[in-house]
Amino acid sequence: MMQKSTNEDLKALGLIWINCVYPVVSAGLEKALEGRARVYVGRKSPEEEPFLVILCAGGVEGISKGIKRARKLNPDASVLVFGLTIDLPLVKSALQAGARGFIHAAMQPDQITRAVEVAANGELVAPRELLEYLLSDEDPVDLNMLSTRQREVLDLVVEGLSNAEIAGRLYLSESTVKQHLRASYKALGVSNRTEATQLLRKGE
């Protein structure tokens, strides 16, 4: 297992590239790493291969392109994405795009350095809040996959009506209501009216 880096190790590892569109942020990150690592600041790619890149968040698409650009310079480079706040959807997207971690403006200089050290060891750097977000995060219910009639039937299920009552309300046979429900359950990935009700209420 790779040993944890010291400040001296960071200098020996090579260059850290701070690629940020915000000059104030770049200056702050450079200051945080001053005396602890060799740093190159600029939007233009450095001539030397960086072992680690700090990339300012400019939207999910920009992050993905930035990570690919860093990997062209050095396929083994670790990428830390910097955000002004803990934007958990952005954190998730950055990690999925290949970043090794996320740092943000509320962190202290020593925390920034520690994050760089952790990433330099190939470990993941992420806010504690990310785990809770990932555990609770579910894609919203896409009701567009349902027909108008299926949605009408499900809305009445949520209201607590029985199949017979739904049939009477919509002037359908009870067997037709059941057919709509079976098709709706399949589309939503649920097994019964209770699960369907919970899913629709969560998506409201």
N, C-alpha and C. Protein backbone atom coordinates (compact mmCIF):
# COMPACT_ATOMS: atom_id res chain seq x y z
N MET A 1 0.85 -1.20 0.00
CA MET A 1 0.00 0.00 0.00
C MET A 1 0.88 1.25 0.00
N MET A 2 0.53 2.28 -0.77
CA MET A 2 1.32 3.50 -0.85
C MET A 2 1.27 4.26 0.46
N GLN A 3 2.40 4.76 0.92
CA GLN A 3 2.44 5.52 2.15
C GLN A 3 1.85 6.92 1.93
N LYS A 4 1.33 7.49 3.01
CA LYS A 4 0.76 8.82 2.92
C LYS A 4 1.85 9.85 2.65
N SER A 5 1.48 10.88 1.87
CA SER A 5 2.45 11.90 1.49
C SER A 5 2.69 12.88 2.63
N THR A 6 3.89 13.38 2.74
CA THR A 6 4.21 14.51 3.58
C THR A 6 4.29 15.73 2.68
N ASN A 7 4.44 16.92 3.27
CA ASN A 7 4.56 18.11 2.44
C ASN A 7 5.75 18.02 1.50
N GLU A 8 6.90 17.44 2.01
CA GLU A 8 8.08 17.29 1.17
C GLU A 8 7.80 16.34 0.01
N ASP A 9 7.01 15.30 0.28
CA ASP A 9 6.68 14.34 -0.77
C ASP A 9 5.92 15.01 -1.91
N LEU A 10 5.04 15.96 -1.59
CA LEU A 10 4.26 16.64 -2.62
C LEU A 10 5.17 17.35 -3.62
N LYS A 11 6.20 17.99 -3.11
CA LYS A 11 7.14 18.67 -4.01
C LYS A 11 7.85 17.66 -4.91
N ALA A 12 8.19 16.51 -4.31
CA ALA A 12 8.92 15.49 -5.06
C ALA A 12 8.06 14.82 -6.11
N LEU A 13 6.75 14.78 -5.88
CA LEU A 13 5.86 14.08 -6.80
C LEU A 13 5.75 14.79 -8.16
N GLY A 14 5.99 16.08 -8.15
CA GLY A 14 5.92 16.80 -9.41
C GLY A 14 5.05 18.04 -9.32
N LEU A 15 4.41 18.35 -10.42
CA LEU A 15 3.69 19.61 -10.56
C LEU A 15 2.19 19.45 -10.29
N ILE A 16 1.63 20.43 -9.59
CA ILE A 16 0.18 20.53 -9.43
C ILE A 16 -0.30 21.66 -10.33
N TRP A 17 -1.24 21.36 -11.19
CA TRP A 17 -1.79 22.36 -12.11
C TRP A 17 -3.12 22.87 -11.57
N ILE A 18 -3.20 24.16 -11.30
CA ILE A 18 -4.46 24.79 -10.89
C ILE A 18 -5.07 25.43 -12.13
N ASN A 19 -6.13 24.83 -12.61
CA ASN A 19 -6.80 25.28 -13.84
C ASN A 19 -8.15 25.88 -13.45
N CYS A 20 -8.17 27.20 -13.36
CA CYS A 20 -9.39 27.85 -12.85
C CYS A 20 -9.66 29.14 -13.60
N VAL A 21 -10.92 29.38 -13.89
CA VAL A 21 -11.31 30.58 -14.62
C VAL A 21 -11.39 31.79 -13.69
N TYR A 22 -11.42 31.54 -12.37
CA TYR A 22 -11.54 32.63 -11.40
C TYR A 22 -10.17 32.98 -10.81
N PRO A 23 -9.60 34.15 -11.13
CA PRO A 23 -8.27 34.52 -10.64
C PRO A 23 -8.16 34.53 -9.11
N VAL A 24 -9.20 34.99 -8.44
CA VAL A 24 -9.16 35.04 -6.97
C VAL A 24 -9.08 33.63 -6.39
N VAL A 25 -9.84 32.70 -6.96
CA VAL A 25 -9.80 31.32 -6.50
C VAL A 25 -8.43 30.71 -6.77
N SER A 26 -7.89 30.96 -7.95
CA SER A 26 -6.56 30.44 -8.29
C SER A 26 -5.52 30.93 -7.30
N ALA A 27 -5.59 32.23 -6.97
CA ALA A 27 -4.64 32.80 -6.03
C ALA A 27 -4.78 32.18 -4.65
N GLY A 28 -6.01 31.94 -4.23
CA GLY A 28 -6.25 31.34 -2.92
C GLY A 28 -5.73 29.91 -2.84
N LEU A 29 -5.96 29.15 -3.90
CA LEU A 29 -5.47 27.76 -3.92
C LEU A 29 -3.95 27.73 -3.97
N GLU A 30 -3.36 28.64 -4.74
CA GLU A 30 -1.90 28.70 -4.82
C GLU A 30 -1.32 29.05 -3.45
N LYS A 31 -1.98 29.99 -2.75
CA LYS A 31 -1.52 30.39 -1.42
C LYS A 31 -1.61 29.22 -0.44
N ALA A 32 -2.69 28.44 -0.55
CA ALA A 32 -2.88 27.30 0.36
C ALA A 32 -1.78 26.26 0.20
N LEU A 33 -1.26 26.14 -1.02
CA LEU A 33 -0.24 25.13 -1.30
C LEU A 33 1.18 25.69 -1.30
N GLU A 34 1.29 26.99 -1.01
CA GLU A 34 2.58 27.67 -1.05
C GLU A 34 3.57 27.02 -0.09
N GLY A 35 4.74 26.70 -0.61
CA GLY A 35 5.78 26.11 0.20
C GLY A 35 5.61 24.62 0.44
N ARG A 36 4.49 24.08 -0.02
CA ARG A 36 4.20 22.66 0.22
C ARG A 36 4.21 21.84 -1.06
N ALA A 37 4.07 22.52 -2.19
CA ALA A 37 4.02 21.80 -3.47
C ALA A 37 4.47 22.74 -4.58
N ARG A 38 4.91 22.14 -5.67
CA ARG A 38 5.22 22.93 -6.87
C ARG A 38 3.92 23.14 -7.63
N VAL A 39 3.61 24.40 -7.89
CA VAL A 39 2.30 24.73 -8.45
C VAL A 39 2.44 25.52 -9.75
N TYR A 40 1.61 25.18 -10.71
CA TYR A 40 1.48 25.96 -11.94
C TYR A 40 0.04 26.44 -12.02
N VAL A 41 -0.15 27.74 -12.22
CA VAL A 41 -1.48 28.32 -12.31
C VAL A 41 -1.71 28.85 -13.71
N GLY A 42 -2.80 28.46 -14.32
CA GLY A 42 -3.10 28.98 -15.65
C GLY A 42 -4.11 28.12 -16.39
N ARG A 43 -4.76 28.73 -17.34
CA ARG A 43 -5.73 28.00 -18.16
C ARG A 43 -5.02 27.20 -19.26
N LYS A 44 -3.84 27.68 -19.65
CA LYS A 44 -3.06 26.98 -20.67
C LYS A 44 -2.35 25.79 -20.04
N SER A 45 -2.32 24.69 -20.77
CA SER A 45 -1.68 23.48 -20.25
C SER A 45 -0.21 23.72 -19.96
N PRO A 46 0.29 23.21 -18.83
CA PRO A 46 1.71 23.36 -18.52
C PRO A 46 2.56 22.48 -19.42
N GLU A 47 3.82 22.86 -19.59
CA GLU A 47 4.73 22.05 -20.41
C GLU A 47 5.09 20.75 -19.70
N GLU A 48 5.14 20.80 -18.37
CA GLU A 48 5.48 19.62 -17.58
C GLU A 48 4.20 18.84 -17.26
N GLU A 49 4.31 17.53 -17.26
CA GLU A 49 3.16 16.70 -16.89
C GLU A 49 2.78 16.93 -15.44
N PRO A 50 1.54 17.31 -15.16
CA PRO A 50 1.13 17.44 -13.76
C PRO A 50 0.77 16.07 -13.19
N PHE A 51 1.08 15.86 -11.91
CA PHE A 51 0.66 14.61 -11.27
C PHE A 51 -0.72 14.77 -10.66
N LEU A 52 -1.13 16.07 -10.50
CA LEU A 52 -2.46 16.34 -9.94
C LEU A 52 -2.97 17.64 -10.53
N VAL A 53 -4.26 17.68 -10.82
CA VAL A 53 -4.89 18.87 -11.39
C VAL A 53 -6.04 19.30 -10.50
N ILE A 54 -6.07 20.58 -10.15
CA ILE A 54 -7.22 21.15 -9.45
C ILE A 54 -8.01 21.93 -10.48
N LEU A 55 -9.22 21.48 -10.72
CA LEU A 55 -10.04 22.01 -11.80
C LEU A 55 -11.28 22.70 -11.23
N CYS A 56 -11.43 23.98 -11.53
CA CYS A 56 -12.60 24.72 -11.04
C CYS A 56 -13.86 24.27 -11.79
N ALA A 57 -14.93 24.11 -11.03
CA ALA A 57 -16.19 23.66 -11.62
C ALA A 57 -16.78 24.74 -12.51
N GLY A 58 -17.07 24.35 -13.74
CA GLY A 58 -17.71 25.27 -14.67
C GLY A 58 -18.91 24.61 -15.30
N GLY A 59 -19.62 23.80 -14.53
CA GLY A 59 -20.72 23.01 -15.06
C GLY A 59 -20.27 21.59 -15.32
N VAL A 60 -21.22 20.68 -15.34
CA VAL A 60 -20.91 19.26 -15.49
C VAL A 60 -20.16 18.98 -16.79
N GLU A 61 -20.64 19.58 -17.88
CA GLU A 61 -20.00 19.34 -19.18
C GLU A 61 -18.57 19.85 -19.18
N GLY A 62 -18.36 21.04 -18.60
CA GLY A 62 -17.02 21.61 -18.54
C GLY A 62 -16.08 20.77 -17.71
N ILE A 63 -16.61 20.20 -16.62
CA ILE A 63 -15.79 19.36 -15.76
C ILE A 63 -15.33 18.12 -16.52
N SER A 64 -16.24 17.50 -17.23
CA SER A 64 -15.91 16.29 -17.99
C SER A 64 -14.82 16.58 -19.02
N LYS A 65 -14.94 17.71 -19.72
CA LYS A 65 -13.93 18.08 -20.72
C LYS A 65 -12.60 18.37 -20.05
N GLY A 66 -12.65 19.05 -18.89
CA GLY A 66 -11.43 19.38 -18.18
C GLY A 66 -10.68 18.15 -17.71
N ILE A 67 -11.42 17.16 -17.24
CA ILE A 67 -10.80 15.92 -16.77
C ILE A 67 -10.14 15.19 -17.95
N LYS A 68 -10.82 15.15 -19.07
CA LYS A 68 -10.26 14.51 -20.26
C LYS A 68 -8.99 15.22 -20.71
N ARG A 69 -8.99 16.55 -20.62
CA ARG A 69 -7.83 17.34 -21.02
C ARG A 69 -6.64 17.03 -20.11
N ALA A 70 -6.92 16.92 -18.81
CA ALA A 70 -5.85 16.61 -17.85
C ALA A 70 -5.27 15.23 -18.11
N ARG A 71 -6.16 14.30 -18.43
CA ARG A 71 -5.71 12.93 -18.66
C ARG A 71 -4.89 12.80 -19.94
N LYS A 72 -5.09 13.72 -20.89
CA LYS A 72 -4.27 13.69 -22.10
C LYS A 72 -2.83 14.06 -21.76
N LEU A 73 -2.68 14.99 -20.82
CA LEU A 73 -1.33 15.39 -20.40
C LEU A 73 -0.66 14.28 -19.60
N ASN A 74 -1.45 13.66 -18.73
CA ASN A 74 -0.93 12.58 -17.90
C ASN A 74 -2.08 11.63 -17.55
N PRO A 75 -2.13 10.46 -18.17
CA PRO A 75 -3.23 9.51 -17.92
C PRO A 75 -3.36 9.11 -16.45
N ASP A 76 -2.27 9.24 -15.70
CA ASP A 76 -2.28 8.84 -14.30
C ASP A 76 -2.55 10.00 -13.35
N ALA A 77 -2.78 11.19 -13.90
CA ALA A 77 -3.00 12.36 -13.05
C ALA A 77 -4.30 12.23 -12.25
N SER A 78 -4.23 12.64 -10.99
CA SER A 78 -5.44 12.72 -10.17
C SER A 78 -6.06 14.10 -10.38
N VAL A 79 -7.37 14.15 -10.45
CA VAL A 79 -8.07 15.42 -10.65
C VAL A 79 -8.95 15.71 -9.45
N LEU A 80 -8.76 16.88 -8.85
CA LEU A 80 -9.64 17.36 -7.80
C LEU A 80 -10.48 18.49 -8.39
N VAL A 81 -11.78 18.39 -8.25
CA VAL A 81 -12.67 19.43 -8.73
C VAL A 81 -12.95 20.41 -7.59
N PHE A 82 -12.85 21.70 -7.89
CA PHE A 82 -13.09 22.74 -6.90
C PHE A 82 -14.44 23.41 -7.17
N GLY A 83 -15.23 23.55 -6.12
CA GLY A 83 -16.50 24.26 -6.23
C GLY A 83 -16.61 25.33 -5.17
N LEU A 84 -17.39 26.36 -5.44
CA LEU A 84 -17.57 27.43 -4.46
C LEU A 84 -18.38 26.95 -3.27
N THR A 85 -19.27 25.98 -3.50
CA THR A 85 -20.06 25.39 -2.43
C THR A 85 -20.05 23.87 -2.58
N ILE A 86 -20.60 23.18 -1.59
CA ILE A 86 -20.73 21.73 -1.69
C ILE A 86 -21.98 21.42 -2.52
N ASP A 87 -21.77 21.37 -3.80
CA ASP A 87 -22.84 21.08 -4.76
C ASP A 87 -22.84 19.57 -4.99
N LEU A 88 -23.67 18.85 -4.23
CA LEU A 88 -23.60 17.38 -4.25
C LEU A 88 -23.89 16.76 -5.61
N PRO A 89 -24.88 17.25 -6.37
CA PRO A 89 -25.05 16.70 -7.72
C PRO A 89 -23.80 16.89 -8.58
N LEU A 90 -23.13 18.05 -8.41
CA LEU A 90 -21.90 18.29 -9.16
C LEU A 90 -20.79 17.35 -8.70
N VAL A 91 -20.71 17.13 -7.38
CA VAL A 91 -19.71 16.20 -6.84
C VAL A 91 -19.90 14.82 -7.46
N LYS A 92 -21.13 14.36 -7.46
CA LYS A 92 -21.44 13.04 -8.01
C LYS A 92 -21.05 12.96 -9.48
N SER A 93 -21.40 14.00 -10.25
CA SER A 93 -21.07 14.01 -11.68
C SER A 93 -19.57 14.04 -11.90
N ALA A 94 -18.86 14.81 -11.07
CA ALA A 94 -17.41 14.90 -11.21
C ALA A 94 -16.75 13.55 -10.95
N LEU A 95 -17.19 12.87 -9.90
CA LEU A 95 -16.62 11.55 -9.59
C LEU A 95 -16.94 10.54 -10.69
N GLN A 96 -18.15 10.62 -11.22
CA GLN A 96 -18.52 9.71 -12.30
C GLN A 96 -17.71 9.99 -13.56
N ALA A 97 -17.26 11.24 -13.73
CA ALA A 97 -16.47 11.60 -14.90
C ALA A 97 -15.00 11.23 -14.73
N GLY A 98 -14.63 10.78 -13.53
CA GLY A 98 -13.27 10.32 -13.32
C GLY A 98 -12.44 11.13 -12.35
N ALA A 99 -13.03 12.16 -11.74
CA ALA A 99 -12.30 12.94 -10.74
C ALA A 99 -12.02 12.06 -9.51
N ARG A 100 -10.95 12.38 -8.80
CA ARG A 100 -10.60 11.64 -7.59
C ARG A 100 -11.12 12.31 -6.34
N GLY A 101 -11.74 13.49 -6.52
CA GLY A 101 -12.27 14.13 -5.33
C GLY A 101 -12.81 15.51 -5.59
N PHE A 102 -13.29 16.13 -4.50
CA PHE A 102 -13.95 17.43 -4.58
C PHE A 102 -13.51 18.27 -3.38
N ILE A 103 -13.10 19.50 -3.65
CA ILE A 103 -12.78 20.45 -2.59
C ILE A 103 -13.61 21.71 -2.82
N HIS A 104 -13.74 22.55 -1.78
CA HIS A 104 -14.63 23.69 -1.92
C HIS A 104 -14.12 24.90 -1.14
N ALA A 105 -14.75 26.06 -1.37
CA ALA A 105 -14.26 27.33 -0.86
C ALA A 105 -14.32 27.45 0.66
N ALA A 106 -15.15 26.65 1.31
CA ALA A 106 -15.27 26.75 2.77
C ALA A 106 -14.17 25.98 3.51
N MET A 107 -13.32 25.28 2.78
CA MET A 107 -12.25 24.50 3.41
C MET A 107 -11.09 25.41 3.83
N GLN A 108 -10.43 25.03 4.92
CA GLN A 108 -9.25 25.74 5.39
C GLN A 108 -8.04 25.34 4.53
N PRO A 109 -7.01 26.19 4.48
CA PRO A 109 -5.81 25.86 3.69
C PRO A 109 -5.23 24.49 4.04
N ASP A 110 -5.16 24.16 5.32
CA ASP A 110 -4.62 22.85 5.71
C ASP A 110 -5.49 21.71 5.20
N GLN A 111 -6.80 21.94 5.13
CA GLN A 111 -7.69 20.91 4.60
C GLN A 111 -7.48 20.71 3.10
N ILE A 112 -7.20 21.81 2.41
CA ILE A 112 -6.90 21.72 0.97
C ILE A 112 -5.65 20.89 0.76
N THR A 113 -4.60 21.20 1.55
CA THR A 113 -3.35 20.45 1.43
C THR A 113 -3.57 18.98 1.74
N ARG A 114 -4.34 18.70 2.78
CA ARG A 114 -4.61 17.32 3.15
C ARG A 114 -5.37 16.60 2.03
N ALA A 115 -6.32 17.29 1.41
CA ALA A 115 -7.07 16.69 0.30
C ALA A 115 -6.14 16.35 -0.85
N VAL A 116 -5.18 17.24 -1.13
CA VAL A 116 -4.21 16.99 -2.19
C VAL A 116 -3.36 15.77 -1.85
N GLU A 117 -2.94 15.67 -0.59
CA GLU A 117 -2.14 14.53 -0.17
C GLU A 117 -2.91 13.22 -0.34
N VAL A 118 -4.17 13.24 0.06
CA VAL A 118 -5.00 12.03 -0.05
C VAL A 118 -5.17 11.64 -1.50
N ALA A 119 -5.48 12.63 -2.35
CA ALA A 119 -5.65 12.34 -3.78
C ALA A 119 -4.36 11.85 -4.40
N ALA A 120 -3.23 12.38 -3.94
CA ALA A 120 -1.93 11.97 -4.47
C ALA A 120 -1.65 10.51 -4.17
N ASN A 121 -2.24 10.00 -3.12
CA ASN A 121 -2.10 8.59 -2.76
C ASN A 121 -3.11 7.70 -3.48
N GLY A 122 -3.88 8.31 -4.38
CA GLY A 122 -4.85 7.54 -5.13
C GLY A 122 -6.15 7.29 -4.41
N GLU A 123 -6.33 7.96 -3.27
CA GLU A 123 -7.56 7.77 -2.51
C GLU A 123 -8.61 8.80 -2.91
N LEU A 124 -9.84 8.52 -2.55
CA LEU A 124 -10.95 9.38 -2.92
C LEU A 124 -11.15 10.48 -1.89
N VAL A 125 -11.35 11.70 -2.38
CA VAL A 125 -11.60 12.85 -1.51
C VAL A 125 -13.01 13.35 -1.79
N ALA A 126 -13.89 13.27 -0.81
CA ALA A 126 -15.27 13.68 -1.03
C ALA A 126 -15.89 14.17 0.28
N PRO A 127 -16.84 15.11 0.21
CA PRO A 127 -17.52 15.59 1.41
C PRO A 127 -18.27 14.46 2.11
N ARG A 128 -18.33 14.53 3.43
CA ARG A 128 -19.07 13.52 4.17
C ARG A 128 -20.54 13.48 3.75
N GLU A 129 -21.05 14.65 3.36
CA GLU A 129 -22.46 14.72 2.97
C GLU A 129 -22.77 13.90 1.72
N LEU A 130 -21.71 13.57 0.95
CA LEU A 130 -21.94 12.87 -0.32
C LEU A 130 -22.53 11.48 -0.10
N LEU A 131 -22.05 10.77 0.92
CA LEU A 131 -22.55 9.41 1.16
C LEU A 131 -24.04 9.43 1.43
N GLU A 132 -24.46 10.36 2.30
CA GLU A 132 -25.89 10.46 2.61
C GLU A 132 -26.69 10.81 1.36
N TYR A 133 -26.12 11.71 0.55
CA TYR A 133 -26.79 12.11 -0.68
C TYR A 133 -26.94 10.94 -1.63
N LEU A 134 -25.87 10.17 -1.78
CA LEU A 134 -25.91 9.03 -2.69
C LEU A 134 -26.89 7.96 -2.21
N LEU A 135 -26.98 7.79 -0.89
CA LEU A 135 -27.89 6.79 -0.34
C LEU A 135 -29.35 7.21 -0.51
N SER A 136 -29.59 8.53 -0.44
CA SER A 136 -30.97 9.00 -0.50
C SER A 136 -31.37 9.45 -1.89
N ASP A 137 -30.37 9.68 -2.74
CA ASP A 137 -30.66 10.22 -4.07
C ASP A 137 -31.26 9.17 -4.97
N GLU A 138 -32.41 9.48 -5.50
CA GLU A 138 -33.06 8.60 -6.48
C GLU A 138 -33.51 9.45 -7.65
N ASP A 139 -33.44 8.88 -8.81
CA ASP A 139 -33.91 9.61 -9.97
C ASP A 139 -35.39 9.92 -9.82
N PRO A 140 -35.82 11.13 -10.18
CA PRO A 140 -37.23 11.46 -10.06
C PRO A 140 -38.09 10.57 -10.94
N VAL A 141 -39.33 10.40 -10.50
CA VAL A 141 -40.26 9.56 -11.25
C VAL A 141 -40.59 10.21 -12.58
N ASP A 142 -40.40 9.49 -13.66
CA ASP A 142 -40.72 10.01 -14.98
C ASP A 142 -42.12 9.53 -15.36
N LEU A 143 -43.09 10.39 -15.10
CA LEU A 143 -44.48 10.02 -15.37
C LEU A 143 -44.82 10.14 -16.85
N ASN A 144 -43.90 10.67 -17.64
CA ASN A 144 -44.14 10.78 -19.07
C ASN A 144 -44.20 9.43 -19.75
N MET A 145 -43.67 8.41 -19.07
CA MET A 145 -43.70 7.07 -19.65
C MET A 145 -45.10 6.44 -19.55
N LEU A 146 -45.97 7.07 -18.77
CA LEU A 146 -47.33 6.55 -18.60
C LEU A 146 -48.28 7.23 -19.57
N SER A 147 -49.29 6.49 -19.97
CA SER A 147 -50.31 7.08 -20.82
C SER A 147 -51.20 7.98 -19.95
N THR A 148 -51.99 8.82 -20.60
CA THR A 148 -52.89 9.72 -19.86
C THR A 148 -53.85 8.92 -18.99
N ARG A 149 -54.37 7.83 -19.53
CA ARG A 149 -55.32 7.00 -18.78
C ARG A 149 -54.65 6.31 -17.60
N GLN A 150 -53.40 5.82 -17.82
CA GLN A 150 -52.68 5.17 -16.73
C GLN A 150 -52.44 6.16 -15.59
N ARG A 151 -52.12 7.38 -15.95
CA ARG A 151 -51.89 8.40 -14.92
C ARG A 151 -53.19 8.72 -14.17
N GLU A 152 -54.29 8.78 -14.90
CA GLU A 152 -55.57 9.03 -14.25
C GLU A 152 -55.90 7.94 -13.24
N VAL A 153 -55.65 6.70 -13.65
CA VAL A 153 -55.93 5.57 -12.77
C VAL A 153 -55.04 5.64 -11.52
N LEU A 154 -53.75 5.93 -11.73
CA LEU A 154 -52.83 6.00 -10.60
C LEU A 154 -53.15 7.16 -9.66
N ASP A 155 -53.58 8.28 -10.20
CA ASP A 155 -53.95 9.40 -9.36
C ASP A 155 -55.09 9.02 -8.41
N LEU A 156 -56.02 8.21 -8.91
CA LEU A 156 -57.13 7.77 -8.08
C LEU A 156 -56.68 6.71 -7.08
N VAL A 157 -55.68 5.92 -7.45
CA VAL A 157 -55.10 4.96 -6.51
C VAL A 157 -54.48 5.72 -5.34
N VAL A 158 -53.77 6.80 -5.66
CA VAL A 158 -53.15 7.61 -4.62
C VAL A 158 -54.21 8.21 -3.69
N GLU A 159 -55.37 8.52 -4.25
CA GLU A 159 -56.46 9.06 -3.43
C GLU A 159 -57.09 8.00 -2.53
N GLY A 160 -56.73 6.73 -2.80
CA GLY A 160 -57.24 5.66 -1.94
C GLY A 160 -58.45 4.92 -2.47
N LEU A 161 -58.80 5.15 -3.74
CA LEU A 161 -59.97 4.49 -4.31
C LEU A 161 -59.66 3.04 -4.65
N SER A 162 -60.65 2.18 -4.55
CA SER A 162 -60.51 0.78 -4.94
C SER A 162 -60.63 0.67 -6.46
N ASN A 163 -60.31 -0.52 -6.98
CA ASN A 163 -60.43 -0.72 -8.43
C ASN A 163 -61.86 -0.50 -8.89
N ALA A 164 -62.82 -0.98 -8.10
CA ALA A 164 -64.23 -0.82 -8.47
C ALA A 164 -64.62 0.65 -8.49
N GLU A 165 -64.13 1.39 -7.50
CA GLU A 165 -64.45 2.82 -7.43
C GLU A 165 -63.80 3.59 -8.57
N ILE A 166 -62.58 3.20 -8.93
CA ILE A 166 -61.89 3.84 -10.06
C ILE A 166 -62.64 3.55 -11.36
N ALA A 167 -63.08 2.31 -11.50
CA ALA A 167 -63.83 1.92 -12.70
C ALA A 167 -65.09 2.77 -12.83
N GLY A 168 -65.79 2.97 -11.72
CA GLY A 168 -67.00 3.78 -11.75
C GLY A 168 -66.70 5.24 -12.06
N ARG A 169 -65.62 5.75 -11.49
CA ARG A 169 -65.28 7.16 -11.69
C ARG A 169 -64.89 7.45 -13.13
N LEU A 170 -64.16 6.50 -13.76
CA LEU A 170 -63.65 6.73 -15.12
C LEU A 170 -64.48 6.05 -16.20
N TYR A 171 -65.60 5.43 -15.78
CA TYR A 171 -66.49 4.74 -16.73
C TYR A 171 -65.74 3.64 -17.49
N LEU A 172 -64.98 2.85 -16.74
CA LEU A 172 -64.24 1.72 -17.29
C LEU A 172 -64.69 0.45 -16.61
N SER A 173 -64.36 -0.69 -17.22
CA SER A 173 -64.61 -1.96 -16.53
C SER A 173 -63.50 -2.17 -15.51
N GLU A 174 -63.80 -2.98 -14.51
CA GLU A 174 -62.80 -3.22 -13.48
C GLU A 174 -61.59 -3.96 -14.05
N SER A 175 -61.81 -4.82 -15.03
CA SER A 175 -60.69 -5.56 -15.65
C SER A 175 -59.78 -4.60 -16.42
N THR A 176 -60.37 -3.58 -17.03
CA THR A 176 -59.56 -2.58 -17.75
C THR A 176 -58.71 -1.79 -16.77
N VAL A 177 -59.28 -1.46 -15.62
CA VAL A 177 -58.52 -0.76 -14.58
C VAL A 177 -57.32 -1.60 -14.16
N LYS A 178 -57.55 -2.90 -13.97
CA LYS A 178 -56.47 -3.80 -13.57
C LYS A 178 -55.38 -3.87 -14.63
N GLN A 179 -55.78 -3.86 -15.90
CA GLN A 179 -54.80 -3.88 -16.99
C GLN A 179 -53.93 -2.62 -16.97
N HIS A 180 -54.59 -1.47 -16.76
CA HIS A 180 -53.85 -0.22 -16.67
C HIS A 180 -52.88 -0.23 -15.50
N LEU A 181 -53.32 -0.78 -14.39
CA LEU A 181 -52.47 -0.83 -13.21
C LEU A 181 -51.26 -1.73 -13.43
N ARG A 182 -51.50 -2.90 -14.03
CA ARG A 182 -50.38 -3.82 -14.30
C ARG A 182 -49.33 -3.17 -15.19
N ALA A 183 -49.81 -2.47 -16.23
CA ALA A 183 -48.89 -1.80 -17.15
C ALA A 183 -48.15 -0.66 -16.45
N SER A 184 -48.85 0.04 -15.56
CA SER A 184 -48.23 1.15 -14.83
C SER A 184 -47.18 0.64 -13.85
N TYR A 185 -47.50 -0.45 -13.14
CA TYR A 185 -46.54 -1.02 -12.19
C TYR A 185 -45.25 -1.43 -12.91
N LYS A 186 -45.41 -2.04 -14.06
CA LYS A 186 -44.26 -2.49 -14.83
C LYS A 186 -43.40 -1.30 -15.25
N ALA A 187 -44.07 -0.23 -15.73
CA ALA A 187 -43.35 0.96 -16.20
C ALA A 187 -42.60 1.65 -15.06
N LEU A 188 -43.19 1.65 -13.88
CA LEU A 188 -42.59 2.34 -12.73
C LEU A 188 -41.65 1.45 -11.93
N GLY A 189 -41.64 0.16 -12.22
CA GLY A 189 -40.77 -0.75 -11.49
C GLY A 189 -41.25 -1.05 -10.09
N VAL A 190 -42.57 -1.08 -9.88
CA VAL A 190 -43.15 -1.41 -8.58
C VAL A 190 -44.01 -2.66 -8.71
N SER A 191 -44.42 -3.19 -7.54
CA SER A 191 -45.15 -4.46 -7.55
C SER A 191 -46.63 -4.33 -7.22
N ASN A 192 -47.01 -3.28 -6.54
CA ASN A 192 -48.40 -3.16 -6.10
C ASN A 192 -48.80 -1.70 -5.92
N ARG A 193 -50.05 -1.48 -5.54
CA ARG A 193 -50.58 -0.12 -5.43
C ARG A 193 -49.92 0.65 -4.27
N THR A 194 -49.52 -0.06 -3.23
CA THR A 194 -48.86 0.61 -2.11
C THR A 194 -47.53 1.21 -2.54
N GLU A 195 -46.73 0.41 -3.27
CA GLU A 195 -45.43 0.90 -3.75
C GLU A 195 -45.62 2.03 -4.76
N ALA A 196 -46.63 1.89 -5.61
CA ALA A 196 -46.89 2.92 -6.61
C ALA A 196 -47.29 4.23 -5.93
N THR A 197 -48.11 4.14 -4.89
CA THR A 197 -48.54 5.33 -4.15
C THR A 197 -47.36 6.02 -3.50
N GLN A 198 -46.47 5.23 -2.87
CA GLN A 198 -45.29 5.80 -2.22
C GLN A 198 -44.39 6.49 -3.23
N LEU A 199 -44.23 5.87 -4.38
CA LEU A 199 -43.36 6.42 -5.41
C LEU A 199 -43.90 7.74 -5.95
N LEU A 200 -45.21 7.78 -6.20
CA LEU A 200 -45.80 9.00 -6.75
C LEU A 200 -45.80 10.13 -5.71
N ARG A 201 -46.01 9.80 -4.48
CA ARG A 201 -46.00 10.85 -3.43
C ARG A 201 -44.60 11.39 -3.24
N LYS A 202 -43.59 10.54 -3.37
CA LYS A 202 -42.20 10.98 -3.24
C LYS A 202 -41.83 11.91 -4.37
N GLY A 203 -42.42 11.67 -5.53
CA GLY A 203 -42.09 12.50 -6.69
C GLY A 203 -42.84 13.80 -6.77
N GLU A 204 -43.77 14.01 -5.84
CA GLU A 204 -44.56 15.24 -5.86
C GLU A 204 -43.77 16.44 -5.39
